[in-house]
Amino acid sequence: MVEDERAIADTLLYAMRTEGFEPVWCELGGRALELVRSDEPALVILDVGLPDLSGFEVCRRIRTFSEVPILFLTARGDEVDRIVGLEIGADDYVTKPFSPREVATRVRTILRRSRPNHAKPGFHLDVASRRITFRDRLLDLTRFEYELLRVLLAHRGRIFTRSELMEMVWAGAEDTQDRTVDTHIKTLRAKIREVAPDADPIQTHRGLGYSLDES
């Protein structure tokens, strides 16, 4: 939840927790982008009028790397603002003042509607415990194998260059080499094939990089 007014944030946090959600709150758009990348939330509630970036700009940037559902929550209820919000990738739009129960209901509706598009057959990612299973079997992964597979799972079908994967997985790590990504892809494939010898979900795109495609 990205909202810079503390009173509104507190009301929504209470409502979301009452409905069984585990909300994470921040006040700035820049911080929201970091959290979406790192925490992979189920949904984003996004205010338009933020101190650093507009909610519209935050939404545009999120859509460059994630298909997470987005619900705009804002005082700007003009038709043109609603249209812009939906056209740039939002899933719904609620104007202030609002009913916390209505927001919670809309969140559940969006998640129910989006679940088929975000289903992950074969793999299951448990962010809290930092574990990934494949076909109901736990994969014994190192720290960087986990992070690499997590990134690929979060953006299925997207082709990542080696440089992009190095930046997202090994940022700040010491003693990394040019072939680090290739080496970890190789070990990941081996561990997946231990579970299912016929499986080859990690695809190599010559001259481009890697993607994950279970089809």
N, C-alpha and C. Protein backbone atom coordinates (compact mmCIF):
# COMPACT_ATOMS: atom_id res chain seq x y z
N MET A 1 0.84 -1.18 0.00
CA MET A 1 0.00 0.00 0.00
C MET A 1 0.88 1.24 0.00
N VAL A 2 0.65 2.11 -0.98
CA VAL A 2 1.47 3.31 -1.13
C VAL A 2 0.56 4.51 -0.89
N GLU A 3 0.69 5.13 0.27
CA GLU A 3 -0.20 6.22 0.68
C GLU A 3 0.56 7.13 1.63
N ASP A 4 0.59 8.44 1.32
CA ASP A 4 1.39 9.36 2.13
C ASP A 4 0.61 10.00 3.28
N GLU A 5 -0.71 9.81 3.36
CA GLU A 5 -1.49 10.34 4.47
C GLU A 5 -1.64 9.26 5.53
N ARG A 6 -1.04 9.50 6.69
CA ARG A 6 -0.97 8.48 7.73
C ARG A 6 -2.34 8.03 8.21
N ALA A 7 -3.29 8.96 8.34
CA ALA A 7 -4.62 8.60 8.84
C ALA A 7 -5.31 7.63 7.89
N ILE A 8 -5.20 7.90 6.59
CA ILE A 8 -5.80 7.01 5.59
C ILE A 8 -5.09 5.66 5.60
N ALA A 9 -3.77 5.72 5.70
CA ALA A 9 -3.00 4.48 5.72
C ALA A 9 -3.39 3.61 6.91
N ASP A 10 -3.52 4.22 8.09
CA ASP A 10 -3.88 3.46 9.29
C ASP A 10 -5.24 2.79 9.14
N THR A 11 -6.19 3.53 8.56
CA THR A 11 -7.54 2.98 8.36
C THR A 11 -7.50 1.77 7.43
N LEU A 12 -6.76 1.91 6.35
CA LEU A 12 -6.67 0.81 5.39
C LEU A 12 -5.88 -0.38 5.94
N LEU A 13 -4.81 -0.10 6.67
CA LEU A 13 -4.04 -1.18 7.27
C LEU A 13 -4.91 -2.02 8.20
N TYR A 14 -5.70 -1.35 9.01
CA TYR A 14 -6.60 -2.06 9.92
C TYR A 14 -7.62 -2.89 9.14
N ALA A 15 -8.21 -2.28 8.12
CA ALA A 15 -9.22 -2.99 7.32
C ALA A 15 -8.62 -4.20 6.63
N MET A 16 -7.43 -4.05 6.06
CA MET A 16 -6.81 -5.16 5.35
C MET A 16 -6.45 -6.31 6.30
N ARG A 17 -5.92 -5.95 7.47
CA ARG A 17 -5.56 -6.99 8.44
C ARG A 17 -6.81 -7.71 8.95
N THR A 18 -7.90 -6.95 9.15
CA THR A 18 -9.15 -7.55 9.59
C THR A 18 -9.65 -8.57 8.59
N GLU A 19 -9.39 -8.31 7.31
CA GLU A 19 -9.83 -9.21 6.24
C GLU A 19 -8.85 -10.36 5.99
N GLY A 20 -7.78 -10.42 6.77
CA GLY A 20 -6.86 -11.54 6.64
C GLY A 20 -5.64 -11.28 5.77
N PHE A 21 -5.48 -10.05 5.27
CA PHE A 21 -4.31 -9.73 4.46
C PHE A 21 -3.13 -9.34 5.36
N GLU A 22 -1.94 -9.32 4.76
CA GLU A 22 -0.73 -8.89 5.47
C GLU A 22 -0.15 -7.69 4.73
N PRO A 23 -0.70 -6.50 4.97
CA PRO A 23 -0.28 -5.32 4.21
C PRO A 23 1.08 -4.79 4.61
N VAL A 24 1.77 -4.21 3.64
CA VAL A 24 3.03 -3.50 3.87
C VAL A 24 2.82 -2.09 3.38
N TRP A 25 3.15 -1.11 4.20
CA TRP A 25 2.86 0.29 3.88
C TRP A 25 4.14 1.07 3.63
N CYS A 26 4.10 1.94 2.64
CA CYS A 26 5.17 2.92 2.44
C CYS A 26 4.55 4.22 1.94
N GLU A 27 5.30 5.33 2.07
CA GLU A 27 4.77 6.65 1.75
C GLU A 27 5.25 7.17 0.40
N LEU A 28 6.31 6.61 -0.16
CA LEU A 28 6.93 7.16 -1.36
C LEU A 28 6.88 6.19 -2.52
N GLY A 29 6.73 6.74 -3.73
CA GLY A 29 6.69 5.92 -4.92
C GLY A 29 7.99 5.19 -5.19
N GLY A 30 9.11 5.86 -4.93
CA GLY A 30 10.40 5.23 -5.15
C GLY A 30 10.58 4.01 -4.27
N ARG A 31 10.17 4.11 -3.02
CA ARG A 31 10.26 2.97 -2.10
C ARG A 31 9.31 1.86 -2.55
N ALA A 32 8.15 2.23 -3.06
CA ALA A 32 7.19 1.24 -3.54
C ALA A 32 7.79 0.40 -4.66
N LEU A 33 8.51 1.04 -5.57
CA LEU A 33 9.14 0.31 -6.67
C LEU A 33 10.14 -0.71 -6.14
N GLU A 34 10.90 -0.32 -5.12
CA GLU A 34 11.86 -1.25 -4.52
C GLU A 34 11.15 -2.44 -3.90
N LEU A 35 10.04 -2.19 -3.20
CA LEU A 35 9.32 -3.25 -2.52
C LEU A 35 8.65 -4.21 -3.51
N VAL A 36 8.12 -3.67 -4.60
CA VAL A 36 7.49 -4.54 -5.60
C VAL A 36 8.54 -5.46 -6.21
N ARG A 37 9.73 -4.93 -6.45
CA ARG A 37 10.81 -5.76 -7.01
C ARG A 37 11.27 -6.85 -6.03
N SER A 38 11.39 -6.49 -4.76
CA SER A 38 11.99 -7.41 -3.79
C SER A 38 10.98 -8.34 -3.14
N ASP A 39 9.77 -7.84 -2.85
CA ASP A 39 8.81 -8.61 -2.06
C ASP A 39 7.75 -9.32 -2.89
N GLU A 40 7.59 -8.94 -4.16
CA GLU A 40 6.60 -9.56 -5.04
C GLU A 40 5.23 -9.64 -4.38
N PRO A 41 4.61 -8.50 -4.09
CA PRO A 41 3.30 -8.51 -3.43
C PRO A 41 2.21 -9.11 -4.32
N ALA A 42 1.12 -9.53 -3.69
CA ALA A 42 -0.01 -10.07 -4.44
C ALA A 42 -0.77 -8.97 -5.16
N LEU A 43 -0.73 -7.75 -4.61
CA LEU A 43 -1.48 -6.62 -5.17
C LEU A 43 -0.90 -5.33 -4.63
N VAL A 44 -1.03 -4.24 -5.39
CA VAL A 44 -0.56 -2.92 -4.96
C VAL A 44 -1.74 -1.96 -4.89
N ILE A 45 -1.94 -1.33 -3.74
CA ILE A 45 -2.89 -0.22 -3.60
C ILE A 45 -2.07 1.05 -3.71
N LEU A 46 -2.37 1.89 -4.69
CA LEU A 46 -1.48 2.98 -5.06
C LEU A 46 -2.20 4.31 -5.12
N ASP A 47 -1.75 5.26 -4.30
CA ASP A 47 -2.28 6.62 -4.34
C ASP A 47 -1.65 7.37 -5.51
N VAL A 48 -2.39 8.31 -6.09
CA VAL A 48 -1.86 9.09 -7.21
C VAL A 48 -0.98 10.23 -6.72
N GLY A 49 -1.44 10.96 -5.70
CA GLY A 49 -0.72 12.14 -5.24
C GLY A 49 0.33 11.82 -4.19
N LEU A 50 1.52 11.41 -4.63
CA LEU A 50 2.61 11.08 -3.72
C LEU A 50 3.66 12.19 -3.71
N PRO A 51 4.46 12.31 -2.65
CA PRO A 51 5.42 13.41 -2.54
C PRO A 51 6.54 13.37 -3.57
N ASP A 52 6.96 12.18 -4.00
CA ASP A 52 8.12 12.11 -4.90
C ASP A 52 7.73 11.84 -6.34
N LEU A 53 7.01 10.77 -6.60
CA LEU A 53 6.57 10.41 -7.94
C LEU A 53 5.05 10.34 -7.95
N SER A 54 4.43 10.66 -9.07
CA SER A 54 2.98 10.48 -9.16
C SER A 54 2.67 9.00 -9.22
N GLY A 55 1.49 8.65 -8.74
CA GLY A 55 1.09 7.26 -8.80
C GLY A 55 1.05 6.73 -10.23
N PHE A 56 0.68 7.60 -11.17
CA PHE A 56 0.67 7.19 -12.57
C PHE A 56 2.07 6.78 -13.03
N GLU A 57 3.08 7.54 -12.63
CA GLU A 57 4.45 7.23 -13.02
C GLU A 57 4.92 5.94 -12.35
N VAL A 58 4.53 5.75 -11.09
CA VAL A 58 4.89 4.52 -10.39
C VAL A 58 4.28 3.33 -11.11
N CYS A 59 3.02 3.46 -11.50
CA CYS A 59 2.33 2.38 -12.22
C CYS A 59 3.04 2.08 -13.53
N ARG A 60 3.40 3.11 -14.28
CA ARG A 60 4.09 2.90 -15.55
C ARG A 60 5.40 2.13 -15.34
N ARG A 61 6.15 2.51 -14.31
CA ARG A 61 7.44 1.84 -14.06
C ARG A 61 7.24 0.41 -13.60
N ILE A 62 6.23 0.16 -12.76
CA ILE A 62 5.96 -1.21 -12.33
C ILE A 62 5.65 -2.09 -13.53
N ARG A 63 4.90 -1.55 -14.48
CA ARG A 63 4.49 -2.34 -15.64
C ARG A 63 5.66 -2.69 -16.56
N THR A 64 6.82 -2.08 -16.35
CA THR A 64 7.98 -2.45 -17.16
C THR A 64 8.63 -3.74 -16.67
N PHE A 65 8.27 -4.18 -15.44
CA PHE A 65 8.91 -5.40 -14.93
C PHE A 65 7.97 -6.33 -14.17
N SER A 66 6.70 -5.95 -14.00
CA SER A 66 5.79 -6.79 -13.22
C SER A 66 4.35 -6.63 -13.69
N GLU A 67 3.58 -7.72 -13.59
CA GLU A 67 2.15 -7.70 -13.90
C GLU A 67 1.31 -7.76 -12.63
N VAL A 68 1.90 -7.37 -11.49
CA VAL A 68 1.16 -7.39 -10.24
C VAL A 68 -0.11 -6.52 -10.38
N PRO A 69 -1.27 -6.99 -9.89
CA PRO A 69 -2.49 -6.17 -9.95
C PRO A 69 -2.31 -4.86 -9.18
N ILE A 70 -2.88 -3.78 -9.73
CA ILE A 70 -2.76 -2.45 -9.12
C ILE A 70 -4.14 -1.83 -8.96
N LEU A 71 -4.43 -1.37 -7.76
CA LEU A 71 -5.67 -0.65 -7.45
C LEU A 71 -5.33 0.79 -7.10
N PHE A 72 -5.79 1.74 -7.92
CA PHE A 72 -5.56 3.15 -7.61
C PHE A 72 -6.55 3.61 -6.55
N LEU A 73 -6.05 4.35 -5.57
CA LEU A 73 -6.87 4.93 -4.50
C LEU A 73 -6.49 6.39 -4.41
N THR A 74 -7.41 7.29 -4.79
CA THR A 74 -7.03 8.68 -4.92
C THR A 74 -8.22 9.62 -4.82
N ALA A 75 -7.92 10.88 -4.52
CA ALA A 75 -8.95 11.91 -4.47
C ALA A 75 -9.28 12.43 -5.86
N ARG A 76 -8.48 12.07 -6.85
CA ARG A 76 -8.68 12.55 -8.22
C ARG A 76 -9.67 11.64 -8.92
N GLY A 77 -10.95 12.05 -8.92
CA GLY A 77 -12.00 11.20 -9.47
C GLY A 77 -12.48 11.59 -10.84
N ASP A 78 -11.81 12.56 -11.48
CA ASP A 78 -12.23 12.97 -12.82
C ASP A 78 -12.16 11.80 -13.78
N GLU A 79 -13.06 11.80 -14.74
CA GLU A 79 -13.11 10.69 -15.70
C GLU A 79 -11.78 10.50 -16.41
N VAL A 80 -11.15 11.62 -16.78
CA VAL A 80 -9.90 11.50 -17.53
C VAL A 80 -8.82 10.82 -16.69
N ASP A 81 -8.81 11.09 -15.37
CA ASP A 81 -7.83 10.44 -14.50
C ASP A 81 -8.11 8.95 -14.38
N ARG A 82 -9.40 8.59 -14.30
CA ARG A 82 -9.73 7.16 -14.22
C ARG A 82 -9.31 6.44 -15.50
N ILE A 83 -9.56 7.08 -16.63
CA ILE A 83 -9.21 6.47 -17.91
C ILE A 83 -7.69 6.30 -18.02
N VAL A 84 -6.95 7.37 -17.66
CA VAL A 84 -5.49 7.29 -17.72
C VAL A 84 -4.98 6.17 -16.83
N GLY A 85 -5.50 6.09 -15.62
CA GLY A 85 -5.06 5.06 -14.69
C GLY A 85 -5.27 3.66 -15.23
N LEU A 86 -6.43 3.43 -15.84
CA LEU A 86 -6.71 2.10 -16.38
C LEU A 86 -5.91 1.83 -17.64
N GLU A 87 -5.70 2.85 -18.46
CA GLU A 87 -4.98 2.65 -19.71
C GLU A 87 -3.50 2.33 -19.49
N ILE A 88 -2.92 2.83 -18.40
CA ILE A 88 -1.49 2.57 -18.17
C ILE A 88 -1.25 1.29 -17.39
N GLY A 89 -2.34 0.57 -17.08
CA GLY A 89 -2.13 -0.76 -16.50
C GLY A 89 -2.77 -1.04 -15.16
N ALA A 90 -3.55 -0.10 -14.61
CA ALA A 90 -4.22 -0.36 -13.33
C ALA A 90 -5.38 -1.32 -13.55
N ASP A 91 -5.74 -2.05 -12.50
CA ASP A 91 -6.85 -3.01 -12.59
C ASP A 91 -8.16 -2.44 -12.07
N ASP A 92 -8.08 -1.42 -11.21
CA ASP A 92 -9.30 -0.80 -10.69
C ASP A 92 -8.95 0.57 -10.13
N TYR A 93 -10.00 1.33 -9.78
CA TYR A 93 -9.82 2.73 -9.40
C TYR A 93 -10.87 3.09 -8.37
N VAL A 94 -10.46 3.50 -7.17
CA VAL A 94 -11.38 3.91 -6.11
C VAL A 94 -11.06 5.34 -5.70
N THR A 95 -12.09 6.18 -5.59
CA THR A 95 -11.86 7.58 -5.23
C THR A 95 -12.18 7.82 -3.76
N LYS A 96 -11.47 8.78 -3.18
CA LYS A 96 -11.70 9.20 -1.80
C LYS A 96 -12.86 10.21 -1.77
N PRO A 97 -13.67 10.22 -0.70
CA PRO A 97 -13.64 9.29 0.45
C PRO A 97 -14.12 7.90 0.04
N PHE A 98 -13.68 6.90 0.78
CA PHE A 98 -13.99 5.53 0.40
C PHE A 98 -14.41 4.74 1.64
N SER A 99 -15.00 3.59 1.38
CA SER A 99 -15.33 2.65 2.45
C SER A 99 -14.21 1.61 2.51
N PRO A 100 -13.54 1.46 3.66
CA PRO A 100 -12.50 0.44 3.77
C PRO A 100 -13.00 -0.95 3.39
N ARG A 101 -14.26 -1.24 3.73
CA ARG A 101 -14.81 -2.55 3.37
C ARG A 101 -14.92 -2.70 1.86
N GLU A 102 -15.29 -1.60 1.18
CA GLU A 102 -15.37 -1.65 -0.28
C GLU A 102 -13.99 -1.90 -0.89
N VAL A 103 -12.97 -1.23 -0.34
CA VAL A 103 -11.61 -1.42 -0.85
C VAL A 103 -11.20 -2.87 -0.67
N ALA A 104 -11.47 -3.44 0.50
CA ALA A 104 -11.11 -4.84 0.76
C ALA A 104 -11.84 -5.77 -0.21
N THR A 105 -13.11 -5.47 -0.48
CA THR A 105 -13.89 -6.29 -1.42
C THR A 105 -13.32 -6.20 -2.82
N ARG A 106 -12.94 -4.99 -3.23
CA ARG A 106 -12.36 -4.82 -4.56
C ARG A 106 -11.02 -5.57 -4.66
N VAL A 107 -10.24 -5.54 -3.60
CA VAL A 107 -8.97 -6.25 -3.59
C VAL A 107 -9.21 -7.75 -3.80
N ARG A 108 -10.17 -8.31 -3.06
CA ARG A 108 -10.46 -9.73 -3.21
C ARG A 108 -10.94 -10.05 -4.62
N THR A 109 -11.77 -9.17 -5.18
CA THR A 109 -12.29 -9.39 -6.53
C THR A 109 -11.17 -9.37 -7.56
N ILE A 110 -10.26 -8.41 -7.43
CA ILE A 110 -9.13 -8.33 -8.36
C ILE A 110 -8.26 -9.57 -8.26
N LEU A 111 -7.97 -10.00 -7.04
CA LEU A 111 -7.12 -11.18 -6.85
C LEU A 111 -7.78 -12.44 -7.40
N ARG A 112 -9.09 -12.55 -7.20
CA ARG A 112 -9.81 -13.71 -7.72
C ARG A 112 -9.80 -13.70 -9.25
N ARG A 113 -9.97 -12.52 -9.82
CA ARG A 113 -10.00 -12.39 -11.28
C ARG A 113 -8.63 -12.62 -11.89
N SER A 114 -7.58 -12.19 -11.19
CA SER A 114 -6.24 -12.28 -11.76
C SER A 114 -5.55 -13.60 -11.48
N ARG A 115 -6.09 -14.40 -10.56
CA ARG A 115 -5.40 -15.62 -10.15
C ARG A 115 -5.10 -16.56 -11.31
N PRO A 116 -6.02 -16.79 -12.27
CA PRO A 116 -5.66 -17.69 -13.37
C PRO A 116 -4.48 -17.19 -14.18
N ASN A 117 -4.35 -15.86 -14.32
CA ASN A 117 -3.25 -15.31 -15.10
C ASN A 117 -1.92 -15.36 -14.36
N HIS A 118 -2.00 -15.53 -13.01
CA HIS A 118 -0.77 -15.54 -12.23
C HIS A 118 -0.48 -16.92 -11.64
N ALA A 119 -1.26 -17.90 -12.09
CA ALA A 119 -1.04 -19.25 -11.59
C ALA A 119 0.35 -19.74 -12.02
N LYS A 120 0.94 -20.54 -11.17
CA LYS A 120 2.29 -21.00 -11.43
C LYS A 120 2.34 -22.52 -11.34
N PRO A 121 1.82 -23.22 -12.33
CA PRO A 121 1.85 -24.68 -12.28
C PRO A 121 3.28 -25.20 -12.29
N GLY A 122 3.51 -26.23 -11.51
CA GLY A 122 4.85 -26.81 -11.47
C GLY A 122 5.68 -26.23 -10.35
N PHE A 123 5.95 -24.95 -10.40
CA PHE A 123 6.73 -24.29 -9.37
C PHE A 123 5.82 -23.67 -8.31
N HIS A 124 6.32 -23.67 -7.07
CA HIS A 124 5.65 -22.93 -6.00
C HIS A 124 6.70 -22.18 -5.21
N LEU A 125 6.53 -20.87 -5.12
CA LEU A 125 7.48 -20.01 -4.42
C LEU A 125 6.91 -19.58 -3.08
N ASP A 126 7.64 -19.85 -2.01
CA ASP A 126 7.29 -19.40 -0.66
C ASP A 126 8.29 -18.33 -0.26
N VAL A 127 7.89 -17.06 -0.43
CA VAL A 127 8.81 -15.95 -0.18
C VAL A 127 9.21 -15.89 1.29
N ALA A 128 8.25 -16.14 2.18
CA ALA A 128 8.53 -16.01 3.62
C ALA A 128 9.63 -16.96 4.07
N SER A 129 9.59 -18.20 3.59
CA SER A 129 10.59 -19.18 4.00
C SER A 129 11.73 -19.29 3.00
N ARG A 130 11.64 -18.52 1.91
CA ARG A 130 12.67 -18.53 0.86
C ARG A 130 12.89 -19.95 0.33
N ARG A 131 11.78 -20.61 0.00
CA ARG A 131 11.85 -21.96 -0.54
C ARG A 131 11.08 -22.03 -1.85
N ILE A 132 11.56 -22.87 -2.75
CA ILE A 132 10.88 -23.09 -4.02
C ILE A 132 10.72 -24.60 -4.21
N THR A 133 9.50 -25.02 -4.51
CA THR A 133 9.25 -26.41 -4.82
C THR A 133 8.91 -26.54 -6.31
N PHE A 134 9.19 -27.71 -6.86
CA PHE A 134 8.85 -28.00 -8.24
C PHE A 134 8.18 -29.37 -8.27
N ARG A 135 6.95 -29.38 -8.79
CA ARG A 135 6.14 -30.60 -8.80
C ARG A 135 6.09 -31.23 -7.41
N ASP A 136 5.83 -30.34 -6.43
CA ASP A 136 5.63 -30.74 -5.03
C ASP A 136 6.90 -31.27 -4.35
N ARG A 137 8.06 -31.05 -4.94
CA ARG A 137 9.31 -31.44 -4.29
C ARG A 137 10.19 -30.22 -4.06
N LEU A 138 10.74 -30.12 -2.85
CA LEU A 138 11.57 -28.98 -2.48
C LEU A 138 12.89 -29.02 -3.24
N LEU A 139 13.26 -27.89 -3.84
CA LEU A 139 14.54 -27.78 -4.52
C LEU A 139 15.60 -27.33 -3.52
N ASP A 140 16.70 -28.03 -3.46
CA ASP A 140 17.79 -27.70 -2.55
C ASP A 140 18.68 -26.65 -3.22
N LEU A 141 18.40 -25.38 -2.95
CA LEU A 141 19.03 -24.28 -3.67
C LEU A 141 19.98 -23.48 -2.79
N THR A 142 21.05 -23.02 -3.39
CA THR A 142 21.92 -22.06 -2.71
C THR A 142 21.25 -20.69 -2.72
N ARG A 143 21.84 -19.75 -2.02
CA ARG A 143 21.28 -18.39 -1.95
C ARG A 143 21.09 -17.80 -3.35
N PHE A 144 22.12 -17.87 -4.18
CA PHE A 144 22.03 -17.22 -5.48
C PHE A 144 21.20 -18.03 -6.47
N GLU A 145 21.16 -19.36 -6.32
CA GLU A 145 20.26 -20.16 -7.15
C GLU A 145 18.81 -19.79 -6.85
N TYR A 146 18.51 -19.62 -5.56
CA TYR A 146 17.15 -19.22 -5.17
C TYR A 146 16.80 -17.86 -5.77
N GLU A 147 17.69 -16.88 -5.61
CA GLU A 147 17.40 -15.54 -6.11
C GLU A 147 17.24 -15.53 -7.63
N LEU A 148 18.07 -16.29 -8.32
CA LEU A 148 18.00 -16.35 -9.77
C LEU A 148 16.68 -16.96 -10.22
N LEU A 149 16.29 -18.07 -9.62
CA LEU A 149 15.04 -18.70 -10.00
C LEU A 149 13.84 -17.85 -9.61
N ARG A 150 13.94 -17.16 -8.48
CA ARG A 150 12.85 -16.27 -8.05
C ARG A 150 12.60 -15.18 -9.08
N VAL A 151 13.66 -14.58 -9.59
CA VAL A 151 13.51 -13.53 -10.59
C VAL A 151 12.87 -14.08 -11.86
N LEU A 152 13.32 -15.23 -12.31
CA LEU A 152 12.76 -15.83 -13.52
C LEU A 152 11.29 -16.19 -13.34
N LEU A 153 10.94 -16.69 -12.15
CA LEU A 153 9.55 -17.05 -11.87
C LEU A 153 8.65 -15.82 -11.83
N ALA A 154 9.18 -14.72 -11.32
CA ALA A 154 8.37 -13.50 -11.19
C ALA A 154 8.06 -12.87 -12.54
N HIS A 155 8.85 -13.21 -13.55
CA HIS A 155 8.67 -12.59 -14.88
C HIS A 155 8.70 -13.67 -15.95
N ARG A 156 7.77 -14.60 -15.87
CA ARG A 156 7.75 -15.73 -16.79
C ARG A 156 7.64 -15.25 -18.23
N GLY A 157 8.47 -15.84 -19.07
CA GLY A 157 8.45 -15.51 -20.48
C GLY A 157 9.35 -14.36 -20.87
N ARG A 158 9.73 -13.52 -19.90
CA ARG A 158 10.61 -12.39 -20.21
C ARG A 158 12.04 -12.88 -20.38
N ILE A 159 12.71 -12.38 -21.40
CA ILE A 159 14.11 -12.74 -21.64
C ILE A 159 15.00 -11.74 -20.90
N PHE A 160 15.82 -12.26 -19.99
CA PHE A 160 16.76 -11.44 -19.24
C PHE A 160 18.16 -11.62 -19.84
N THR A 161 18.85 -10.51 -20.03
CA THR A 161 20.25 -10.61 -20.44
C THR A 161 21.08 -11.01 -19.22
N ARG A 162 22.30 -11.46 -19.46
CA ARG A 162 23.18 -11.80 -18.35
C ARG A 162 23.43 -10.59 -17.46
N SER A 163 23.60 -9.42 -18.07
CA SER A 163 23.86 -8.20 -17.30
C SER A 163 22.68 -7.87 -16.39
N GLU A 164 21.45 -8.04 -16.90
CA GLU A 164 20.27 -7.76 -16.07
C GLU A 164 20.20 -8.73 -14.89
N LEU A 165 20.48 -9.99 -15.13
CA LEU A 165 20.44 -10.97 -14.05
C LEU A 165 21.54 -10.71 -13.03
N MET A 166 22.72 -10.32 -13.51
CA MET A 166 23.81 -9.98 -12.59
C MET A 166 23.40 -8.83 -11.68
N GLU A 167 22.75 -7.82 -12.26
CA GLU A 167 22.36 -6.64 -11.49
C GLU A 167 21.27 -6.98 -10.48
N MET A 168 20.31 -7.83 -10.86
CA MET A 168 19.18 -8.14 -9.99
C MET A 168 19.50 -9.18 -8.94
N VAL A 169 20.43 -10.09 -9.23
CA VAL A 169 20.70 -11.21 -8.31
C VAL A 169 22.00 -11.03 -7.54
N TRP A 170 23.02 -10.53 -8.23
CA TRP A 170 24.35 -10.47 -7.60
C TRP A 170 24.79 -9.05 -7.26
N ALA A 171 23.88 -8.09 -7.22
CA ALA A 171 24.24 -6.70 -6.91
C ALA A 171 24.93 -6.63 -5.56
N GLY A 172 26.12 -6.08 -5.53
CA GLY A 172 26.87 -5.94 -4.28
C GLY A 172 27.67 -7.15 -3.89
N ALA A 173 27.50 -8.26 -4.60
CA ALA A 173 28.27 -9.46 -4.26
C ALA A 173 29.71 -9.33 -4.75
N GLU A 174 30.63 -9.92 -4.00
CA GLU A 174 32.04 -9.86 -4.36
C GLU A 174 32.45 -11.09 -5.16
N ASP A 175 33.54 -10.93 -5.90
CA ASP A 175 34.17 -12.04 -6.63
C ASP A 175 33.23 -12.70 -7.65
N THR A 176 32.40 -11.89 -8.31
CA THR A 176 31.56 -12.43 -9.38
C THR A 176 32.30 -12.33 -10.70
N GLN A 177 32.01 -13.29 -11.59
CA GLN A 177 32.69 -13.37 -12.86
C GLN A 177 31.68 -13.35 -14.00
N ASP A 178 32.19 -13.20 -15.22
CA ASP A 178 31.32 -13.09 -16.38
C ASP A 178 30.44 -14.32 -16.57
N ARG A 179 30.95 -15.49 -16.21
CA ARG A 179 30.19 -16.72 -16.44
C ARG A 179 29.38 -17.16 -15.23
N THR A 180 29.25 -16.28 -14.25
CA THR A 180 28.50 -16.63 -13.03
C THR A 180 27.07 -17.02 -13.36
N VAL A 181 26.41 -16.25 -14.19
CA VAL A 181 25.01 -16.56 -14.53
C VAL A 181 24.91 -17.91 -15.20
N ASP A 182 25.78 -18.17 -16.20
CA ASP A 182 25.73 -19.44 -16.92
C ASP A 182 25.94 -20.63 -15.98
N THR A 183 26.88 -20.47 -15.05
CA THR A 183 27.16 -21.56 -14.11
C THR A 183 25.94 -21.86 -13.25
N HIS A 184 25.28 -20.83 -12.75
CA HIS A 184 24.11 -21.03 -11.89
C HIS A 184 22.92 -21.56 -12.69
N ILE A 185 22.76 -21.13 -13.92
CA ILE A 185 21.70 -21.68 -14.77
C ILE A 185 21.91 -23.18 -14.94
N LYS A 186 23.16 -23.58 -15.15
CA LYS A 186 23.48 -25.00 -15.34
C LYS A 186 23.13 -25.81 -14.10
N THR A 187 23.50 -25.32 -12.92
CA THR A 187 23.19 -26.06 -11.70
C THR A 187 21.69 -26.08 -11.41
N LEU A 188 20.99 -24.98 -11.73
CA LEU A 188 19.54 -24.95 -11.55
C LEU A 188 18.87 -26.01 -12.43
N ARG A 189 19.30 -26.07 -13.68
CA ARG A 189 18.72 -27.06 -14.59
C ARG A 189 18.94 -28.48 -14.07
N ALA A 190 20.12 -28.72 -13.54
CA ALA A 190 20.43 -30.05 -13.03
C ALA A 190 19.52 -30.41 -11.86
N LYS A 191 19.28 -29.47 -10.97
CA LYS A 191 18.45 -29.74 -9.80
C LYS A 191 16.99 -29.92 -10.20
N ILE A 192 16.53 -29.17 -11.20
CA ILE A 192 15.16 -29.35 -11.68
C ILE A 192 15.00 -30.71 -12.34
N ARG A 193 16.00 -31.15 -13.09
CA ARG A 193 15.92 -32.44 -13.77
C ARG A 193 16.04 -33.61 -12.80
N GLU A 194 16.60 -33.38 -11.62
CA GLU A 194 16.60 -34.43 -10.60
C GLU A 194 15.17 -34.74 -10.17
N VAL A 195 14.34 -33.70 -10.18
CA VAL A 195 12.92 -33.87 -9.83
C VAL A 195 12.14 -34.43 -11.01
N ALA A 196 12.38 -33.87 -12.20
CA ALA A 196 11.64 -34.28 -13.40
C ALA A 196 12.60 -34.29 -14.58
N PRO A 197 13.12 -35.44 -14.96
CA PRO A 197 14.09 -35.52 -16.05
C PRO A 197 13.60 -34.95 -17.37
N ASP A 198 12.27 -34.91 -17.56
CA ASP A 198 11.72 -34.40 -18.80
C ASP A 198 11.55 -32.89 -18.81
N ALA A 199 11.76 -32.25 -17.68
CA ALA A 199 11.48 -30.82 -17.57
C ALA A 199 12.67 -29.97 -18.01
N ASP A 200 12.38 -28.91 -18.75
CA ASP A 200 13.42 -27.97 -19.17
C ASP A 200 12.82 -26.57 -19.25
N PRO A 201 12.37 -26.04 -18.10
CA PRO A 201 11.65 -24.75 -18.13
C PRO A 201 12.54 -23.54 -18.37
N ILE A 202 13.83 -23.63 -18.11
CA ILE A 202 14.72 -22.47 -18.30
C ILE A 202 15.25 -22.51 -19.73
N GLN A 203 14.87 -21.53 -20.51
CA GLN A 203 15.21 -21.48 -21.92
C GLN A 203 16.43 -20.58 -22.18
N THR A 204 17.30 -21.02 -23.07
CA THR A 204 18.44 -20.22 -23.51
C THR A 204 18.10 -19.54 -24.84
N HIS A 205 18.32 -18.25 -24.92
CA HIS A 205 18.10 -17.49 -26.15
C HIS A 205 19.46 -16.98 -26.61
N ARG A 206 20.00 -17.60 -27.61
CA ARG A 206 21.36 -17.30 -28.05
C ARG A 206 21.52 -15.82 -28.39
N GLY A 207 22.57 -15.24 -27.83
CA GLY A 207 22.85 -13.84 -28.06
C GLY A 207 21.98 -12.89 -27.26
N LEU A 208 21.00 -13.44 -26.49
CA LEU A 208 20.09 -12.59 -25.73
C LEU A 208 20.20 -12.86 -24.23
N GLY A 209 19.88 -14.10 -23.83
CA GLY A 209 19.93 -14.40 -22.41
C GLY A 209 19.06 -15.58 -22.07
N TYR A 210 18.29 -15.49 -20.96
CA TYR A 210 17.51 -16.61 -20.46
C TYR A 210 16.11 -16.18 -20.12
N SER A 211 15.19 -17.14 -20.17
CA SER A 211 13.82 -16.93 -19.74
C SER A 211 13.30 -18.21 -19.12
N LEU A 212 12.15 -18.12 -18.47
CA LEU A 212 11.51 -19.31 -17.90
C LEU A 212 10.16 -19.50 -18.59
N ASP A 213 9.96 -20.69 -19.14
CA ASP A 213 8.73 -21.00 -19.87
C ASP A 213 8.39 -22.46 -19.62
N GLU A 214 7.33 -22.71 -18.86
CA GLU A 214 6.96 -24.09 -18.52
C GLU A 214 6.13 -24.77 -19.60
N SER A 215 5.69 -24.02 -20.61
CA SER A 215 4.84 -24.62 -21.63
C SER A 215 5.59 -25.63 -22.48
